[in-house]
Amino acid sequence: MKILLICPFANADAKAFVESLAQGLDSDIKLSDSGLNTLFLQQKKFDIVHFFLPATSKSPLGVPKKGSNTLVLQTIFNLPREPEAYRKVVFADRVVVFSEQESSAIRQQIPETAVHVIPPCNQSPSVTKLEPAAAIREKYDVQNRLLVIALNDFCDQQHFTAFLYTVREYNRRGGFRFVIPLYRQDKQSILWRNRLAEAIQKEKLHSTILLNALVDVHSLIDAADFTLFMDKRPDRAFGFPLITVEALCAGKPVLCYNVPPVNEVVAAFRKDWIASVNEDFSRMSRDLLKETSRLEQISTELARFARSKMSVDSVAQSYEQLYNPRLSL
């Protein structure tokens, strides 16, 4: 089979995902980032054309018409603001989404559409390029505490409040070294990070380290005991951050809000790692602290579970099953 994968958007996670998937597929693959309206002639040369798009993108002009010999698929990267928007977004014979909630919404809006839930994948960082975990833990003075890594930044009052509450609780209760890497350098994010830095200094919340420069986050995740993904609003361009995929596949517990799509994968392993309110992150962290002696075993089981769903090989195999022309629509 000759397959054309089209991902014309510049989002870094989207690009990394599609490139990883292309490497894992056992087919004649062409990867294109060209504009959608320039691909009509190329599409006729392929058995399968697969578009990878955010939910804000409407049907491209160059999509082959139903009934042609080309099978058209579409992976939607995120939830639209309103479920009704799927009627304008979906154009393919088969659609892939990252969560069951998205799948249900599409089936309600467009019952005749074949929808499949497949999480994203990404190439794991090379072990040889990671800084040794012992060196990381020494650098950040972890000592006998659990090392907790934040997997997202914050740029509004709501998320700032969640971070500040958790920072205070970690400092009050002890047992944690919380490191918050710098992910975003836009004006709003820096504004709220500065406010958190002021609170940390003023209240002497020394259990937390707020980094003010870019670092090797892959090495931080590798050295972590567990991670926090405290983001209530999935990215409008790519709703399943690959940093959470990396953490889970590395066997690092991810505590997160009850927001798809990340929550569905996490809850399938441990429902008690899902937060409904800000205060839950502190409670769930204390529960993990009580399980310190079992964290290595938990990590092994989590890595095995996550890789069975989100390794490059597993995700590529799921896509190849969709590409099989013998499968009914």
Protein backbone atom coordinates (compact mmCIF):
# COMPACT_ATOMS: atom_id res chain seq x y z
CA MET A 1 0.00 0.00 0.00
CA LYS A 2 1.10 3.54 -0.74
CA ILE A 3 0.10 5.90 2.06
CA LEU A 4 0.21 9.69 2.21
CA LEU A 5 0.25 11.24 5.68
CA ILE A 6 -0.65 14.93 5.67
CA CYS A 7 0.07 17.12 8.69
CA PRO A 8 0.28 20.74 7.51
CA PHE A 9 0.35 22.44 10.92
CA ALA A 10 3.43 23.60 12.78
CA ASN A 11 2.46 22.41 16.29
CA ALA A 12 5.54 20.66 17.71
CA ASP A 13 3.63 17.79 19.34
CA ALA A 14 1.59 17.13 16.20
CA LYS A 15 4.74 17.04 14.07
CA ALA A 16 6.58 14.73 16.48
CA PHE A 17 3.60 12.36 16.70
CA VAL A 18 3.08 12.01 12.95
CA GLU A 19 6.81 11.59 12.29
CA SER A 20 7.01 8.88 14.99
CA LEU A 21 3.98 7.12 13.54
CA ALA A 22 5.45 7.23 10.03
CA GLN A 23 8.62 5.56 11.29
CA GLY A 24 6.61 2.79 12.90
CA LEU A 25 4.38 1.95 9.92
CA ASP A 26 5.34 -1.01 7.75
CA SER A 27 4.19 0.51 4.45
CA ASP A 28 5.28 2.77 1.61
CA ILE A 29 4.89 6.09 3.44
CA LYS A 30 5.11 9.66 2.21
CA LEU A 31 4.89 12.39 4.84
CA SER A 32 3.76 15.85 3.73
CA ASP A 33 3.38 19.16 5.52
CA SER A 34 2.13 20.95 2.41
CA GLY A 35 -0.95 23.15 2.43
CA LEU A 36 -4.12 21.12 2.05
CA ASN A 37 -5.31 22.80 -1.12
CA THR A 38 -2.14 21.89 -3.05
CA LEU A 39 -2.40 18.13 -2.61
CA PHE A 40 -5.18 17.09 -4.97
CA LEU A 41 -2.87 15.65 -7.65
CA GLN A 42 -0.71 13.86 -5.08
CA GLN A 43 -3.72 12.16 -3.49
CA LYS A 44 -4.55 10.26 -6.70
CA LYS A 45 -1.19 8.49 -6.52
CA PHE A 46 -1.91 6.86 -3.15
CA ASP A 47 -4.09 4.04 -1.88
CA ILE A 48 -4.64 5.82 1.43
CA VAL A 49 -4.57 9.50 2.32
CA HIS A 50 -4.54 10.29 6.03
CA PHE A 51 -5.07 13.84 7.29
CA PHE A 52 -3.87 14.84 10.76
CA LEU A 53 -5.67 18.03 11.79
CA PRO A 54 -6.94 20.00 14.77
CA ALA A 55 -10.70 20.28 15.19
CA THR A 56 -10.57 23.88 13.97
CA SER A 57 -9.79 22.74 10.43
CA LYS A 58 -12.63 22.32 7.98
CA SER A 59 -12.75 19.84 5.13
CA PRO A 60 -9.87 20.52 2.70
CA LEU A 61 -10.79 21.22 -0.91
CA GLY A 62 -8.56 18.46 -2.21
CA VAL A 63 -10.17 15.51 -0.41
CA PRO A 64 -11.12 12.76 -2.89
CA LYS A 65 -14.84 12.32 -3.33
CA LYS A 66 -16.62 9.35 -1.79
CA GLY A 67 -16.56 6.39 -4.10
CA SER A 68 -13.00 6.98 -5.39
CA ASN A 69 -10.36 4.28 -4.99
CA THR A 70 -8.54 6.28 -2.36
CA LEU A 71 -9.36 5.53 1.27
CA VAL A 72 -9.45 8.77 3.27
CA LEU A 73 -8.75 8.84 6.99
CA GLN A 74 -8.59 11.67 9.45
CA THR A 75 -7.03 11.98 12.90
CA ILE A 76 -8.50 14.85 14.93
CA PHE A 77 -6.07 16.27 17.45
CA ASN A 78 -8.43 17.90 19.94
CA LEU A 79 -11.97 18.53 21.11
CA PRO A 80 -13.80 21.39 19.36
CA ARG A 81 -15.42 24.04 21.53
CA GLU A 82 -18.88 22.68 20.70
CA PRO A 83 -19.76 19.08 19.73
CA GLU A 84 -21.84 20.37 16.82
CA ALA A 85 -18.59 21.55 15.21
CA TYR A 86 -17.75 17.97 14.29
CA ARG A 87 -20.31 18.21 11.48
CA LYS A 88 -18.07 20.76 9.77
CA VAL A 89 -14.80 19.11 10.77
CA VAL A 90 -15.31 15.45 9.86
CA PHE A 91 -14.90 14.59 6.18
CA ALA A 92 -13.13 11.20 6.04
CA ASP A 93 -14.21 7.58 5.65
CA ARG A 94 -12.70 6.74 9.03
CA VAL A 95 -11.86 9.05 11.90
CA VAL A 96 -9.35 8.62 14.72
CA VAL A 97 -9.58 10.53 18.01
CA PHE A 98 -7.65 10.39 21.28
CA SER A 99 -10.51 9.78 23.74
CA GLU A 100 -13.77 7.91 24.20
CA GLN A 101 -15.49 11.22 24.98
CA GLU A 102 -14.54 12.54 21.53
CA SER A 103 -15.65 9.29 19.92
CA SER A 104 -19.04 9.46 21.63
CA ALA A 105 -19.52 13.10 20.59
CA ILE A 106 -18.81 12.32 16.93
CA ARG A 107 -21.15 9.32 16.92
CA GLN A 108 -23.92 11.48 18.34
CA GLN A 109 -23.40 14.18 15.73
CA ILE A 110 -22.56 11.95 12.75
CA PRO A 111 -23.85 8.42 13.47
CA GLU A 112 -22.71 6.99 10.14
CA THR A 113 -19.03 7.82 10.75
CA ALA A 114 -16.61 5.04 11.70
CA VAL A 115 -14.70 6.35 14.74
CA HIS A 116 -11.67 4.75 16.39
CA VAL A 117 -9.90 5.73 19.62
CA ILE A 118 -6.11 5.52 19.37
CA PRO A 119 -3.83 7.59 21.62
CA PRO A 120 -0.76 9.31 20.19
CA CYS A 121 2.81 8.05 20.38
CA ASN A 122 6.27 9.54 20.39
CA GLN A 123 9.81 8.25 20.14
CA SER A 124 11.23 7.74 23.63
CA PRO A 125 14.35 9.78 24.45
CA SER A 126 17.62 7.91 24.10
CA VAL A 127 18.78 6.60 27.46
CA THR A 128 22.37 7.46 26.58
CA LYS A 129 21.44 11.14 26.24
CA LEU A 130 19.73 11.40 29.63
CA GLU A 131 21.53 12.89 32.57
CA PRO A 132 21.91 10.25 35.32
CA ALA A 133 18.98 10.26 37.75
CA ALA A 134 21.34 10.39 40.73
CA ALA A 135 22.95 13.56 39.34
CA ILE A 136 19.53 15.17 38.82
CA ARG A 137 18.43 14.34 42.35
CA GLU A 138 21.67 15.72 43.76
CA LYS A 139 21.40 18.89 41.66
CA TYR A 140 17.93 19.63 43.04
CA ASP A 141 18.72 18.52 46.59
CA VAL A 142 16.01 15.87 46.65
CA GLN A 143 17.58 13.89 49.52
CA ASN A 144 15.07 11.36 50.88
CA ARG A 145 12.06 13.18 49.47
CA LEU A 146 9.95 12.23 46.44
CA LEU A 147 10.88 14.20 43.32
CA VAL A 148 7.76 15.62 41.65
CA ILE A 149 7.92 17.22 38.20
CA ALA A 150 5.23 19.54 36.79
CA LEU A 151 4.34 18.68 33.20
CA ASN A 152 2.72 22.00 32.31
CA ASP A 153 3.01 25.73 32.82
CA PHE A 154 0.22 28.12 33.82
CA CYS A 155 -0.97 31.41 32.39
CA ASP A 156 -4.15 32.37 34.25
CA GLN A 157 -5.57 32.85 37.74
CA GLN A 158 -7.29 29.47 37.83
CA HIS A 159 -4.17 27.42 37.16
CA PHE A 160 -1.97 29.72 39.25
CA THR A 161 -4.26 29.03 42.21
CA ALA A 162 -3.90 25.26 41.72
CA PHE A 163 -0.12 25.49 41.61
CA LEU A 164 0.11 27.81 44.62
CA TYR A 165 -2.13 25.56 46.72
CA THR A 166 -0.02 22.51 45.86
CA VAL A 167 3.25 24.34 46.54
CA ARG A 168 1.99 25.39 49.97
CA GLU A 169 0.78 21.90 50.81
CA TYR A 170 4.06 20.28 49.78
CA ASN A 171 5.94 22.74 51.96
CA ARG A 172 3.59 22.31 54.93
CA ARG A 173 3.55 18.53 54.92
CA GLY A 174 7.10 17.77 53.78
CA GLY A 175 8.27 14.71 51.90
CA PHE A 176 8.33 16.29 48.41
CA ARG A 177 10.73 18.20 46.20
CA PHE A 178 8.59 19.92 43.57
CA VAL A 179 10.31 21.15 40.41
CA ILE A 180 8.39 23.32 37.94
CA PRO A 181 10.24 23.56 34.61
CA LEU A 182 9.88 26.47 32.22
CA TYR A 183 7.79 25.40 29.24
CA ARG A 184 6.31 28.62 27.87
CA GLN A 185 7.88 32.05 27.57
CA ASP A 186 4.89 34.09 26.42
CA LYS A 187 4.01 37.25 28.32
CA GLN A 188 1.08 35.81 30.30
CA SER A 189 2.94 32.69 31.39
CA ILE A 190 5.93 34.70 32.59
CA LEU A 191 3.62 37.08 34.45
CA TRP A 192 2.00 34.27 36.44
CA ARG A 193 5.29 32.47 37.01
CA ASN A 194 6.70 35.68 38.51
CA ARG A 195 3.73 35.86 40.86
CA LEU A 196 4.37 32.31 42.00
CA ALA A 197 8.08 33.09 42.44
CA GLU A 198 7.15 36.06 44.66
CA ALA A 199 4.88 33.85 46.78
CA ILE A 200 7.58 31.18 47.11
CA GLN A 201 10.11 33.75 48.28
CA LYS A 202 7.76 35.67 50.57
CA GLU A 203 6.27 32.58 52.24
CA LYS A 204 9.57 30.65 52.24
CA LEU A 205 8.08 27.72 50.34
CA HIS A 206 11.43 26.05 49.91
CA SER A 207 10.14 22.62 48.92
CA THR A 208 9.51 23.99 45.42
CA ILE A 209 12.04 24.99 42.77
CA LEU A 210 10.66 27.22 40.02
CA LEU A 211 13.08 27.05 37.10
CA ASN A 212 13.61 30.25 35.11
CA ALA A 213 15.49 28.76 32.16
CA LEU A 214 14.90 25.90 29.74
CA VAL A 215 16.36 22.57 30.90
CA ASP A 216 16.42 18.96 29.76
CA VAL A 217 12.90 17.96 30.81
CA HIS A 218 13.44 14.40 29.57
CA SER A 219 16.11 13.88 32.24
CA LEU A 220 13.86 15.43 34.89
CA ILE A 221 11.05 13.01 34.02
CA ASP A 222 13.46 10.08 34.04
CA ALA A 223 14.61 11.00 37.56
CA ALA A 224 11.13 11.79 38.91
CA ASP A 225 9.15 9.67 41.34
CA PHE A 226 5.89 11.00 39.92
CA THR A 227 4.52 13.92 37.91
CA LEU A 228 1.67 16.43 37.97
CA PHE A 229 -0.30 17.48 34.90
CA MET A 230 -2.43 20.32 36.26
CA ASP A 231 -4.05 21.59 33.09
CA LYS A 232 -7.82 21.87 32.81
CA ARG A 233 -7.82 23.14 29.23
CA PRO A 234 -6.50 20.79 26.53
CA ASP A 235 -4.39 22.54 23.92
CA ARG A 236 -6.46 23.83 21.01
CA ALA A 237 -3.92 22.47 18.53
CA PHE A 238 -3.04 19.10 20.09
CA GLY A 239 -5.09 17.84 23.03
CA PHE A 240 -2.88 14.98 24.26
CA PRO A 241 0.49 16.49 25.26
CA LEU A 242 3.31 14.17 24.31
CA ILE A 243 5.10 14.99 27.54
CA THR A 244 2.38 13.03 29.36
CA VAL A 245 2.85 10.13 26.94
CA GLU A 246 6.58 10.19 27.71
CA ALA A 247 6.02 10.23 31.47
CA LEU A 248 3.52 7.37 31.41
CA CYS A 249 5.63 5.20 29.10
CA ALA A 250 8.60 5.85 31.41
CA GLY A 251 6.52 4.47 34.27
CA LYS A 252 6.08 7.78 36.05
CA PRO A 253 2.65 8.26 37.67
CA VAL A 254 0.79 11.22 36.17
CA LEU A 255 -1.69 12.90 38.51
CA CYS A 256 -4.14 14.92 36.43
CA TYR A 257 -7.56 16.55 36.31
CA ASN A 258 -10.59 14.60 35.12
CA VAL A 259 -10.26 16.10 31.65
CA PRO A 260 -9.93 14.06 28.44
CA PRO A 261 -8.00 12.68 26.79
CA VAL A 262 -5.17 12.22 29.32
CA ASN A 263 -7.53 11.27 32.15
CA GLU A 264 -8.88 8.25 30.27
CA VAL A 265 -5.47 6.58 29.92
CA VAL A 266 -4.50 7.42 33.50
CA ALA A 267 -7.81 6.22 34.96
CA ALA A 268 -7.55 2.93 33.06
CA PHE A 269 -4.49 2.21 35.22
CA ARG A 270 -5.32 4.00 38.49
CA LYS A 271 -8.59 5.86 39.00
CA ASP A 272 -7.27 7.37 42.21
CA TRP A 273 -4.77 9.49 40.24
CA ILE A 274 -7.58 11.67 38.87
CA ALA A 275 -8.30 15.03 40.51
CA SER A 276 -11.70 16.68 40.64
CA VAL A 277 -10.54 19.77 42.57
CA ASN A 278 -7.20 21.46 43.29
CA GLU A 279 -6.97 19.94 46.75
CA ASP A 280 -6.91 16.44 45.30
CA PHE A 281 -3.36 16.81 44.03
CA SER A 282 -2.04 17.16 47.57
CA ARG A 283 -4.13 14.21 48.78
CA MET A 284 -3.05 11.98 45.89
CA SER A 285 0.58 12.98 46.45
CA ARG A 286 0.34 11.94 50.11
CA ASP A 287 -1.13 8.62 49.02
CA LEU A 288 1.89 8.03 46.78
CA LEU A 289 4.20 9.04 49.62
CA LYS A 290 2.65 6.26 51.69
CA GLU A 291 3.39 3.86 48.82
CA THR A 292 7.08 4.82 48.59
CA SER A 293 8.22 1.24 49.09
CA ARG A 294 6.06 0.13 46.14
CA LEU A 295 6.88 2.94 43.69
CA GLU A 296 9.42 0.89 41.77
CA GLN A 297 6.90 -1.90 41.25
CA ILE A 298 4.17 0.59 40.34
CA SER A 299 6.55 2.21 37.84
CA THR A 300 7.28 -1.12 36.16
CA GLU A 301 3.59 -2.01 35.88
CA LEU A 302 2.66 1.47 34.62
CA ALA A 303 5.37 1.46 31.95
CA ARG A 304 4.22 -1.93 30.70
CA PHE A 305 0.60 -0.76 30.61
CA ALA A 306 1.34 2.59 28.93
CA ARG A 307 3.64 1.11 26.30
CA SER A 308 1.01 -1.44 25.36
CA LYS A 309 -1.19 1.50 24.37
CA MET A 310 1.15 4.33 23.37
CA SER A 311 4.49 2.94 22.22
CA VAL A 312 5.30 3.66 18.58
CA ASP A 313 4.93 -0.03 17.72
CA SER A 314 1.54 -0.36 19.44
CA VAL A 315 0.06 2.79 17.90
CA ALA A 316 1.46 1.97 14.45
CA GLN A 317 -0.10 -1.50 14.66
CA SER A 318 -3.50 0.05 15.47
CA TYR A 319 -3.22 2.37 12.46
CA GLU A 320 -2.15 -0.46 10.17
CA GLN A 321 -5.32 -2.32 11.10
CA LEU A 322 -7.30 0.73 9.96
CA TYR A 323 -5.35 0.87 6.72
CA ASN A 324 -6.17 -2.74 5.86
CA PRO A 325 -8.46 -2.37 2.82
CA ARG A 326 -10.19 -5.64 3.70
CA LEU A 327 -11.69 -4.09 6.79
CA SER A 328 -15.26 -2.93 6.30
CA LEU A 329 -16.11 0.72 6.70
